[in-house]
N, C-alpha and C. Protein backbone atom coordinates (compact mmCIF):
# COMPACT_ATOMS: atom_id res chain seq x y z
N UNK A 1 -5.49 35.24 14.77
CA UNK A 1 -5.43 36.67 14.99
C UNK A 1 -6.70 37.33 14.46
N UNK A 2 -7.11 36.93 13.24
CA UNK A 2 -8.29 37.52 12.62
C UNK A 2 -9.53 37.24 13.47
N UNK A 3 -9.63 36.00 13.96
CA UNK A 3 -10.79 35.64 14.77
C UNK A 3 -10.77 36.40 16.10
N UNK A 4 -9.57 36.59 16.66
CA UNK A 4 -9.46 37.33 17.91
C UNK A 4 -9.90 38.77 17.71
N UNK A 5 -9.46 39.39 16.59
CA UNK A 5 -9.88 40.76 16.30
C UNK A 5 -11.38 40.84 16.07
N UNK A 6 -11.93 39.83 15.38
CA UNK A 6 -13.37 39.79 15.17
C UNK A 6 -14.10 39.67 16.50
N UNK A 7 -13.55 38.85 17.39
CA UNK A 7 -14.15 38.68 18.71
C UNK A 7 -14.12 39.99 19.49
N UNK A 8 -12.97 40.68 19.44
CA UNK A 8 -12.88 41.97 20.14
C UNK A 8 -13.87 42.98 19.57
N UNK A 9 -13.95 43.02 18.24
CA UNK A 9 -14.88 43.94 17.59
C UNK A 9 -16.32 43.61 17.99
N UNK A 10 -16.65 42.34 17.96
CA UNK A 10 -18.00 41.92 18.33
C UNK A 10 -18.28 42.26 19.79
N UNK A 11 -17.32 42.01 20.68
CA UNK A 11 -17.48 42.32 22.09
C UNK A 11 -17.70 43.82 22.28
N UNK A 12 -16.90 44.62 21.59
CA UNK A 12 -17.05 46.07 21.69
C UNK A 12 -18.41 46.51 21.18
N UNK A 13 -18.83 45.94 20.05
CA UNK A 13 -20.13 46.30 19.48
C UNK A 13 -21.27 45.89 20.42
N UNK A 14 -21.14 44.72 21.02
CA UNK A 14 -22.19 44.28 21.95
C UNK A 14 -22.21 45.16 23.19
N UNK A 15 -21.04 45.61 23.64
CA UNK A 15 -20.98 46.53 24.78
C UNK A 15 -21.66 47.84 24.45
N UNK A 16 -21.36 48.37 23.27
CA UNK A 16 -22.00 49.60 22.82
C UNK A 16 -23.49 49.36 22.65
N UNK A 17 -23.84 48.19 22.12
CA UNK A 17 -25.24 47.88 21.88
C UNK A 17 -26.03 47.83 23.19
N UNK A 18 -25.43 47.24 24.21
CA UNK A 18 -26.16 47.14 25.47
C UNK A 18 -26.35 48.50 26.12
N UNK A 19 -25.38 49.40 25.96
CA UNK A 19 -25.49 50.74 26.51
C UNK A 19 -26.56 51.54 25.77
N UNK A 20 -26.56 51.40 24.46
CA UNK A 20 -27.48 52.23 23.68
C UNK A 20 -28.71 51.47 23.21
N UNK A 21 -28.94 50.27 23.75
CA UNK A 21 -30.09 49.47 23.31
C UNK A 21 -31.40 50.19 23.55
N UNK A 22 -31.46 50.90 24.63
CA UNK A 22 -32.68 51.63 24.92
C UNK A 22 -32.90 52.76 23.93
N UNK A 23 -31.82 53.31 23.40
CA UNK A 23 -31.93 54.45 22.50
C UNK A 23 -32.37 54.03 21.10
N UNK A 24 -31.83 52.93 20.60
CA UNK A 24 -32.19 52.54 19.24
C UNK A 24 -31.90 51.06 19.00
N UNK A 25 -32.49 50.52 17.97
CA UNK A 25 -32.31 49.14 17.55
C UNK A 25 -31.05 49.06 16.67
N UNK A 26 -30.22 48.05 16.91
CA UNK A 26 -29.02 47.85 16.09
C UNK A 26 -29.32 46.72 15.11
N UNK A 27 -29.05 46.98 13.84
CA UNK A 27 -29.27 45.96 12.80
C UNK A 27 -27.96 45.27 12.50
N UNK A 28 -27.97 43.95 12.64
CA UNK A 28 -26.78 43.14 12.38
C UNK A 28 -27.11 42.16 11.26
N UNK A 29 -26.17 42.03 10.33
CA UNK A 29 -26.33 41.08 9.24
C UNK A 29 -25.14 40.14 9.20
N UNK A 30 -25.33 39.03 8.53
CA UNK A 30 -24.28 38.03 8.39
C UNK A 30 -24.19 37.58 6.95
N UNK A 31 -22.97 37.38 6.47
CA UNK A 31 -22.72 36.89 5.12
C UNK A 31 -21.98 35.56 5.21
N UNK A 32 -22.47 34.56 4.50
CA UNK A 32 -21.81 33.27 4.41
C UNK A 32 -20.88 33.32 3.20
N UNK A 33 -19.60 33.55 3.44
CA UNK A 33 -18.62 33.73 2.38
C UNK A 33 -18.49 32.47 1.52
N UNK A 34 -18.59 31.30 2.14
CA UNK A 34 -18.50 30.05 1.38
C UNK A 34 -19.61 29.98 0.32
N UNK A 35 -20.80 30.39 0.70
CA UNK A 35 -21.91 30.40 -0.28
C UNK A 35 -21.64 31.38 -1.41
N UNK A 36 -21.05 32.52 -1.08
CA UNK A 36 -20.71 33.51 -2.12
C UNK A 36 -19.76 32.86 -3.12
N UNK A 37 -18.72 32.18 -2.61
CA UNK A 37 -17.73 31.55 -3.49
C UNK A 37 -18.31 30.39 -4.29
N UNK A 38 -19.38 29.79 -3.83
CA UNK A 38 -19.98 28.67 -4.55
C UNK A 38 -21.10 29.09 -5.48
N UNK A 39 -21.90 30.09 -5.07
CA UNK A 39 -23.14 30.38 -5.78
C UNK A 39 -23.13 31.65 -6.62
N UNK A 40 -22.18 32.53 -6.38
CA UNK A 40 -22.16 33.78 -7.15
C UNK A 40 -21.72 33.50 -8.59
N UNK A 41 -22.39 34.15 -9.54
CA UNK A 41 -22.03 33.97 -10.94
C UNK A 41 -20.57 34.33 -11.20
N UNK A 42 -20.08 35.38 -10.53
CA UNK A 42 -18.68 35.77 -10.73
C UNK A 42 -17.73 34.67 -10.26
N UNK A 43 -18.09 33.98 -9.19
CA UNK A 43 -17.26 32.87 -8.70
C UNK A 43 -17.30 31.69 -9.66
N UNK A 44 -18.49 31.42 -10.19
CA UNK A 44 -18.61 30.32 -11.17
C UNK A 44 -17.81 30.64 -12.44
N UNK A 45 -17.85 31.90 -12.87
CA UNK A 45 -17.07 32.30 -14.05
C UNK A 45 -15.57 32.19 -13.78
N UNK A 46 -15.16 32.57 -12.59
CA UNK A 46 -13.74 32.47 -12.22
C UNK A 46 -13.30 31.01 -12.23
N UNK A 47 -14.14 30.13 -11.69
CA UNK A 47 -13.82 28.70 -11.66
C UNK A 47 -13.72 28.14 -13.08
N UNK A 48 -14.64 28.53 -13.95
CA UNK A 48 -14.61 28.06 -15.34
C UNK A 48 -13.35 28.57 -16.05
N UNK A 49 -13.00 29.80 -15.79
CA UNK A 49 -11.80 30.39 -16.38
C UNK A 49 -10.55 29.62 -15.94
N UNK A 50 -10.48 29.28 -14.67
CA UNK A 50 -9.34 28.53 -14.16
C UNK A 50 -9.28 27.13 -14.76
N UNK A 51 -10.44 26.49 -14.86
CA UNK A 51 -10.48 25.15 -15.45
C UNK A 51 -10.00 25.18 -16.89
N UNK A 52 -10.44 26.18 -17.64
CA UNK A 52 -10.01 26.30 -19.03
C UNK A 52 -8.51 26.56 -19.11
N UNK A 53 -8.03 27.43 -18.24
CA UNK A 53 -6.63 27.82 -18.26
C UNK A 53 -5.69 26.66 -17.88
N UNK A 54 -6.12 25.81 -16.97
CA UNK A 54 -5.23 24.78 -16.44
C UNK A 54 -5.57 23.36 -16.88
N UNK A 55 -6.64 23.16 -17.61
CA UNK A 55 -7.06 21.80 -17.96
C UNK A 55 -6.05 21.08 -18.85
N UNK A 56 -5.46 21.79 -19.79
CA UNK A 56 -4.48 21.16 -20.70
C UNK A 56 -3.26 20.68 -19.92
N UNK A 57 -2.75 21.55 -19.06
CA UNK A 57 -1.57 21.16 -18.26
C UNK A 57 -1.91 20.03 -17.30
N UNK A 58 -3.11 20.07 -16.74
CA UNK A 58 -3.51 19.00 -15.81
C UNK A 58 -3.59 17.66 -16.54
N UNK A 59 -4.12 17.68 -17.77
CA UNK A 59 -4.19 16.44 -18.56
C UNK A 59 -2.79 15.93 -18.87
N UNK A 60 -1.90 16.83 -19.28
CA UNK A 60 -0.52 16.43 -19.57
C UNK A 60 0.14 15.83 -18.34
N UNK A 61 -0.09 16.44 -17.19
CA UNK A 61 0.49 15.95 -15.95
C UNK A 61 -0.09 14.58 -15.59
N UNK A 62 -1.38 14.41 -15.75
CA UNK A 62 -2.01 13.11 -15.49
C UNK A 62 -1.48 12.04 -16.44
N UNK A 63 -1.29 12.40 -17.71
CA UNK A 63 -0.73 11.46 -18.68
C UNK A 63 0.70 11.07 -18.30
N UNK A 64 1.49 12.06 -17.90
CA UNK A 64 2.87 11.80 -17.47
C UNK A 64 2.87 10.83 -16.29
N UNK A 65 1.99 11.06 -15.31
CA UNK A 65 1.90 10.18 -14.15
C UNK A 65 1.47 8.77 -14.52
N UNK A 66 0.51 8.67 -15.44
CA UNK A 66 0.05 7.35 -15.87
C UNK A 66 1.16 6.61 -16.60
N UNK A 67 1.90 7.32 -17.45
CA UNK A 67 3.02 6.70 -18.16
C UNK A 67 4.11 6.24 -17.18
N UNK A 68 4.37 7.04 -16.18
CA UNK A 68 5.37 6.67 -15.18
C UNK A 68 4.91 5.44 -14.41
N UNK A 69 3.65 5.39 -14.05
CA UNK A 69 3.11 4.23 -13.33
C UNK A 69 3.24 2.97 -14.18
N UNK A 70 2.92 3.09 -15.46
CA UNK A 70 3.04 1.95 -16.37
C UNK A 70 4.49 1.50 -16.47
N UNK A 71 5.42 2.45 -16.56
CA UNK A 71 6.84 2.12 -16.65
C UNK A 71 7.33 1.42 -15.38
N UNK A 72 6.85 1.87 -14.22
CA UNK A 72 7.24 1.24 -12.96
C UNK A 72 6.70 -0.19 -12.90
N UNK A 73 5.45 -0.38 -13.31
CA UNK A 73 4.86 -1.72 -13.30
C UNK A 73 5.61 -2.65 -14.25
N UNK A 74 5.98 -2.13 -15.41
CA UNK A 74 6.74 -2.93 -16.38
C UNK A 74 8.10 -3.31 -15.80
N UNK A 75 8.74 -2.35 -15.15
CA UNK A 75 10.04 -2.63 -14.53
C UNK A 75 9.91 -3.70 -13.46
N UNK A 76 8.88 -3.61 -12.64
CA UNK A 76 8.69 -4.59 -11.57
C UNK A 76 8.48 -6.00 -12.13
N UNK A 77 7.81 -6.09 -13.28
CA UNK A 77 7.61 -7.40 -13.92
C UNK A 77 8.92 -7.93 -14.50
N UNK A 78 9.72 -7.03 -15.10
CA UNK A 78 10.94 -7.44 -15.80
C UNK A 78 12.17 -7.49 -14.91
N UNK A 79 12.12 -6.89 -13.74
CA UNK A 79 13.30 -6.78 -12.87
C UNK A 79 13.99 -8.11 -12.59
N UNK A 80 13.25 -9.18 -12.32
CA UNK A 80 13.94 -10.45 -12.03
C UNK A 80 14.77 -10.99 -13.20
N UNK A 81 14.42 -10.60 -14.42
CA UNK A 81 15.15 -11.14 -15.58
C UNK A 81 16.26 -10.21 -16.06
N UNK A 82 16.36 -9.00 -15.50
CA UNK A 82 17.38 -8.05 -15.92
C UNK A 82 18.70 -8.31 -15.20
N UNK A 83 19.77 -7.93 -15.88
CA UNK A 83 21.08 -8.00 -15.22
C UNK A 83 21.15 -6.89 -14.18
N UNK A 84 22.11 -7.01 -13.28
CA UNK A 84 22.26 -6.02 -12.21
C UNK A 84 22.45 -4.62 -12.77
N UNK A 85 23.27 -4.45 -13.79
CA UNK A 85 23.54 -3.13 -14.36
C UNK A 85 22.30 -2.56 -15.06
N UNK A 86 21.55 -3.42 -15.77
CA UNK A 86 20.32 -2.97 -16.42
C UNK A 86 19.27 -2.54 -15.39
N UNK A 87 19.18 -3.34 -14.34
CA UNK A 87 18.21 -3.05 -13.28
C UNK A 87 18.54 -1.72 -12.59
N UNK A 88 19.82 -1.49 -12.28
CA UNK A 88 20.23 -0.24 -11.65
C UNK A 88 20.01 0.95 -12.57
N UNK A 89 20.29 0.77 -13.86
CA UNK A 89 20.10 1.86 -14.83
C UNK A 89 18.61 2.22 -14.94
N UNK A 90 17.75 1.21 -14.99
CA UNK A 90 16.32 1.48 -15.09
C UNK A 90 15.79 2.11 -13.80
N UNK A 91 16.28 1.65 -12.65
CA UNK A 91 15.87 2.25 -11.38
C UNK A 91 16.26 3.72 -11.34
N UNK A 92 17.46 4.02 -11.80
CA UNK A 92 17.93 5.41 -11.82
C UNK A 92 17.06 6.25 -12.74
N UNK A 93 16.75 5.70 -13.92
CA UNK A 93 15.92 6.41 -14.90
C UNK A 93 14.52 6.66 -14.33
N UNK A 94 13.93 5.65 -13.72
CA UNK A 94 12.59 5.80 -13.13
C UNK A 94 12.61 6.79 -11.96
N UNK A 95 13.67 6.78 -11.19
CA UNK A 95 13.81 7.74 -10.09
C UNK A 95 13.86 9.16 -10.61
N UNK A 96 14.60 9.38 -11.69
CA UNK A 96 14.69 10.72 -12.30
C UNK A 96 13.33 11.15 -12.86
N UNK A 97 12.64 10.21 -13.50
CA UNK A 97 11.31 10.53 -14.03
C UNK A 97 10.33 10.86 -12.90
N UNK A 98 10.42 10.13 -11.80
CA UNK A 98 9.54 10.39 -10.66
C UNK A 98 9.83 11.77 -10.07
N UNK A 99 11.10 12.13 -9.93
CA UNK A 99 11.45 13.46 -9.41
C UNK A 99 10.93 14.55 -10.36
N UNK A 100 11.06 14.32 -11.65
CA UNK A 100 10.56 15.28 -12.64
C UNK A 100 9.04 15.42 -12.52
N UNK A 101 8.36 14.29 -12.37
CA UNK A 101 6.91 14.31 -12.21
C UNK A 101 6.51 15.06 -10.95
N UNK A 102 7.17 14.78 -9.83
CA UNK A 102 6.87 15.47 -8.57
C UNK A 102 7.10 16.97 -8.69
N UNK A 103 8.19 17.37 -9.36
CA UNK A 103 8.50 18.78 -9.56
C UNK A 103 7.42 19.46 -10.39
N UNK A 104 7.06 18.82 -11.51
CA UNK A 104 6.03 19.39 -12.37
C UNK A 104 4.69 19.49 -11.65
N UNK A 105 4.35 18.48 -10.87
CA UNK A 105 3.09 18.49 -10.13
C UNK A 105 3.09 19.62 -9.09
N UNK A 106 4.21 19.79 -8.40
CA UNK A 106 4.32 20.84 -7.39
C UNK A 106 4.22 22.23 -8.04
N UNK A 107 4.91 22.42 -9.16
CA UNK A 107 4.84 23.71 -9.88
C UNK A 107 3.42 23.99 -10.35
N UNK A 108 2.78 22.97 -10.89
CA UNK A 108 1.39 23.11 -11.35
C UNK A 108 0.49 23.53 -10.21
N UNK A 109 0.62 22.85 -9.07
CA UNK A 109 -0.24 23.14 -7.91
C UNK A 109 0.01 24.55 -7.39
N UNK A 110 1.27 24.97 -7.36
CA UNK A 110 1.60 26.32 -6.89
C UNK A 110 1.01 27.38 -7.81
N UNK A 111 1.14 27.17 -9.12
CA UNK A 111 0.60 28.13 -10.08
C UNK A 111 -0.93 28.16 -10.03
N UNK A 112 -1.54 26.99 -9.91
CA UNK A 112 -3.00 26.92 -9.81
C UNK A 112 -3.49 27.64 -8.55
N UNK A 113 -2.84 27.40 -7.44
CA UNK A 113 -3.24 28.06 -6.20
C UNK A 113 -3.07 29.57 -6.28
N UNK A 114 -1.98 30.02 -6.90
CA UNK A 114 -1.76 31.46 -7.05
C UNK A 114 -2.86 32.09 -7.91
N UNK A 115 -3.19 31.44 -9.02
CA UNK A 115 -4.25 31.96 -9.89
C UNK A 115 -5.62 31.92 -9.20
N UNK A 116 -5.89 30.85 -8.44
CA UNK A 116 -7.15 30.77 -7.69
C UNK A 116 -7.25 31.94 -6.73
N UNK A 117 -6.17 32.20 -6.03
CA UNK A 117 -6.17 33.31 -5.08
C UNK A 117 -6.43 34.63 -5.79
N UNK A 118 -5.82 34.84 -6.96
CA UNK A 118 -6.04 36.07 -7.72
C UNK A 118 -7.51 36.19 -8.14
N UNK A 119 -8.05 35.15 -8.73
CA UNK A 119 -9.42 35.18 -9.22
C UNK A 119 -10.43 35.36 -8.09
N UNK A 120 -10.24 34.61 -7.01
CA UNK A 120 -11.21 34.68 -5.92
C UNK A 120 -11.04 35.95 -5.09
N UNK A 121 -9.88 36.58 -5.16
CA UNK A 121 -9.73 37.88 -4.53
C UNK A 121 -10.61 38.90 -5.25
N UNK A 122 -10.66 38.80 -6.59
CA UNK A 122 -11.54 39.69 -7.36
C UNK A 122 -13.01 39.44 -7.01
N UNK A 123 -13.37 38.17 -6.86
CA UNK A 123 -14.74 37.83 -6.47
C UNK A 123 -15.04 38.41 -5.10
N UNK A 124 -14.12 38.28 -4.18
CA UNK A 124 -14.31 38.80 -2.82
C UNK A 124 -14.43 40.32 -2.82
N UNK A 125 -13.61 41.00 -3.61
CA UNK A 125 -13.69 42.46 -3.68
C UNK A 125 -15.05 42.90 -4.21
N UNK A 126 -15.52 42.22 -5.24
CA UNK A 126 -16.84 42.52 -5.80
C UNK A 126 -17.93 42.26 -4.76
N UNK A 127 -17.83 41.14 -4.08
CA UNK A 127 -18.82 40.80 -3.05
C UNK A 127 -18.80 41.83 -1.93
N UNK A 128 -17.63 42.27 -1.52
CA UNK A 128 -17.55 43.26 -0.44
C UNK A 128 -18.19 44.59 -0.84
N UNK A 129 -18.03 44.97 -2.11
CA UNK A 129 -18.69 46.20 -2.59
C UNK A 129 -20.21 46.04 -2.51
N UNK A 130 -20.70 44.88 -2.93
CA UNK A 130 -22.14 44.63 -2.91
C UNK A 130 -22.64 44.56 -1.47
N UNK A 131 -21.87 43.92 -0.60
CA UNK A 131 -22.26 43.83 0.81
C UNK A 131 -22.39 45.23 1.39
N UNK A 132 -21.43 46.08 1.10
CA UNK A 132 -21.48 47.46 1.60
C UNK A 132 -22.71 48.18 1.04
N UNK A 133 -22.97 47.97 -0.24
CA UNK A 133 -24.12 48.59 -0.88
C UNK A 133 -25.42 48.13 -0.21
N UNK A 134 -25.58 46.84 0.00
CA UNK A 134 -26.78 46.30 0.64
C UNK A 134 -26.88 46.81 2.08
N UNK A 135 -25.75 46.81 2.80
CA UNK A 135 -25.75 47.26 4.19
C UNK A 135 -26.17 48.72 4.29
N UNK A 136 -25.69 49.55 3.39
CA UNK A 136 -26.05 50.97 3.43
C UNK A 136 -27.50 51.19 3.02
N UNK A 137 -27.93 50.48 1.98
CA UNK A 137 -29.30 50.70 1.51
C UNK A 137 -30.34 50.19 2.51
N UNK A 138 -30.00 49.14 3.25
CA UNK A 138 -30.95 48.58 4.22
C UNK A 138 -30.62 48.98 5.65
N UNK A 139 -29.69 49.89 5.79
CA UNK A 139 -29.33 50.50 7.08
C UNK A 139 -28.89 49.50 8.15
N UNK A 140 -27.94 48.61 7.74
CA UNK A 140 -27.34 47.70 8.71
C UNK A 140 -26.23 48.44 9.44
N UNK A 141 -26.11 48.19 10.74
CA UNK A 141 -25.05 48.80 11.55
C UNK A 141 -23.78 47.95 11.53
N UNK A 142 -23.94 46.65 11.37
CA UNK A 142 -22.82 45.72 11.41
C UNK A 142 -23.12 44.53 10.52
N UNK A 143 -22.13 44.15 9.70
CA UNK A 143 -22.25 42.95 8.87
C UNK A 143 -21.01 42.10 9.14
N UNK A 144 -21.25 40.85 9.57
CA UNK A 144 -20.17 39.91 9.88
C UNK A 144 -20.01 38.90 8.76
N UNK A 145 -18.76 38.46 8.57
CA UNK A 145 -18.51 37.42 7.57
C UNK A 145 -18.12 36.10 8.22
N UNK A 146 -17.74 36.11 9.48
CA UNK A 146 -17.41 34.87 10.18
C UNK A 146 -18.05 34.92 11.55
N UNK A 147 -18.63 33.80 11.94
CA UNK A 147 -19.23 33.71 13.27
C UNK A 147 -19.35 32.25 13.65
N UNK A 148 -19.29 31.96 14.92
CA UNK A 148 -19.47 30.60 15.40
C UNK A 148 -20.92 30.19 15.24
N UNK A 149 -21.82 31.09 15.58
CA UNK A 149 -23.25 30.84 15.42
C UNK A 149 -23.92 32.13 14.99
N UNK A 150 -24.90 31.99 14.13
CA UNK A 150 -25.68 33.15 13.72
C UNK A 150 -27.13 32.70 13.54
N UNK A 151 -28.04 33.49 14.05
CA UNK A 151 -29.45 33.22 13.86
C UNK A 151 -29.77 33.45 12.38
N UNK A 152 -30.41 32.51 11.73
CA UNK A 152 -30.69 32.64 10.29
C UNK A 152 -31.42 33.93 9.90
N UNK A 153 -32.13 34.54 10.83
CA UNK A 153 -32.83 35.78 10.49
C UNK A 153 -31.86 36.92 10.18
N UNK A 154 -30.61 36.78 10.60
CA UNK A 154 -29.60 37.82 10.34
C UNK A 154 -28.81 37.55 9.06
N UNK A 155 -29.02 36.40 8.43
CA UNK A 155 -28.26 36.02 7.24
C UNK A 155 -28.78 36.80 6.03
N UNK A 156 -27.93 37.64 5.46
CA UNK A 156 -28.32 38.44 4.29
C UNK A 156 -27.61 37.94 3.03
N UNK A 157 -27.07 36.73 3.08
CA UNK A 157 -26.33 36.18 1.94
C UNK A 157 -27.21 36.12 0.69
N UNK A 158 -28.46 35.71 0.84
CA UNK A 158 -29.35 35.63 -0.33
C UNK A 158 -29.53 36.99 -1.00
N UNK A 159 -29.68 38.04 -0.20
CA UNK A 159 -29.82 39.40 -0.76
C UNK A 159 -28.58 39.79 -1.54
N UNK A 160 -27.42 39.50 -0.98
CA UNK A 160 -26.15 39.86 -1.63
C UNK A 160 -25.97 39.05 -2.92
N UNK A 161 -26.27 37.75 -2.86
CA UNK A 161 -26.16 36.92 -4.05
C UNK A 161 -27.09 37.42 -5.16
N UNK A 162 -28.28 37.81 -4.78
CA UNK A 162 -29.24 38.33 -5.75
C UNK A 162 -28.67 39.55 -6.49
N UNK A 163 -28.05 40.46 -5.73
CA UNK A 163 -27.47 41.66 -6.34
C UNK A 163 -26.26 41.31 -7.21
N UNK A 164 -25.40 40.42 -6.69
CA UNK A 164 -24.20 40.01 -7.46
C UNK A 164 -24.62 39.34 -8.76
N UNK A 165 -25.57 38.43 -8.69
CA UNK A 165 -25.96 37.66 -9.86
C UNK A 165 -26.80 38.48 -10.85
N UNK A 166 -27.41 39.55 -10.36
CA UNK A 166 -28.19 40.42 -11.25
C UNK A 166 -27.28 41.32 -12.08
N UNK A 167 -26.08 41.60 -11.57
CA UNK A 167 -25.15 42.47 -12.30
C UNK A 167 -24.56 41.73 -13.49
N UNK A 168 -24.34 42.45 -14.55
CA UNK A 168 -23.75 41.85 -15.75
C UNK A 168 -22.26 42.05 -15.76
């Protein structure tokens, strides 16, 4: 839907551009959002904040998974020597531990994704303010964030990154 609306907007702008091309030059710019999320200082700070916030839980989850794997391997080695009731009890216990691990991993991933979305939404809002500032100061008529193809001469990502990274 978003791409369709972008296409309609671009088509409309190109239609207007062709009608008024003789009257004036239209300035179009392009922003590579992926580069903003990778290279902007605010994005790097957000990533570091998330790593700090979730690293302890991630380590605990990895340790839990490693312990479960070790327990499963031990069970597989000992299973032939266990009685039927012992084997069933251990299988049940390992199954419960695996479900607990899967639940914790899913909760962790959901919380991490929610926090990533929050942090990167702030980065995007900041970037959009800077994009608008650059567009107004350099008199761009249209700035796109997604395109199938863009001539590199229209890419203003470096200018925007420079302004974002210069801000404290």
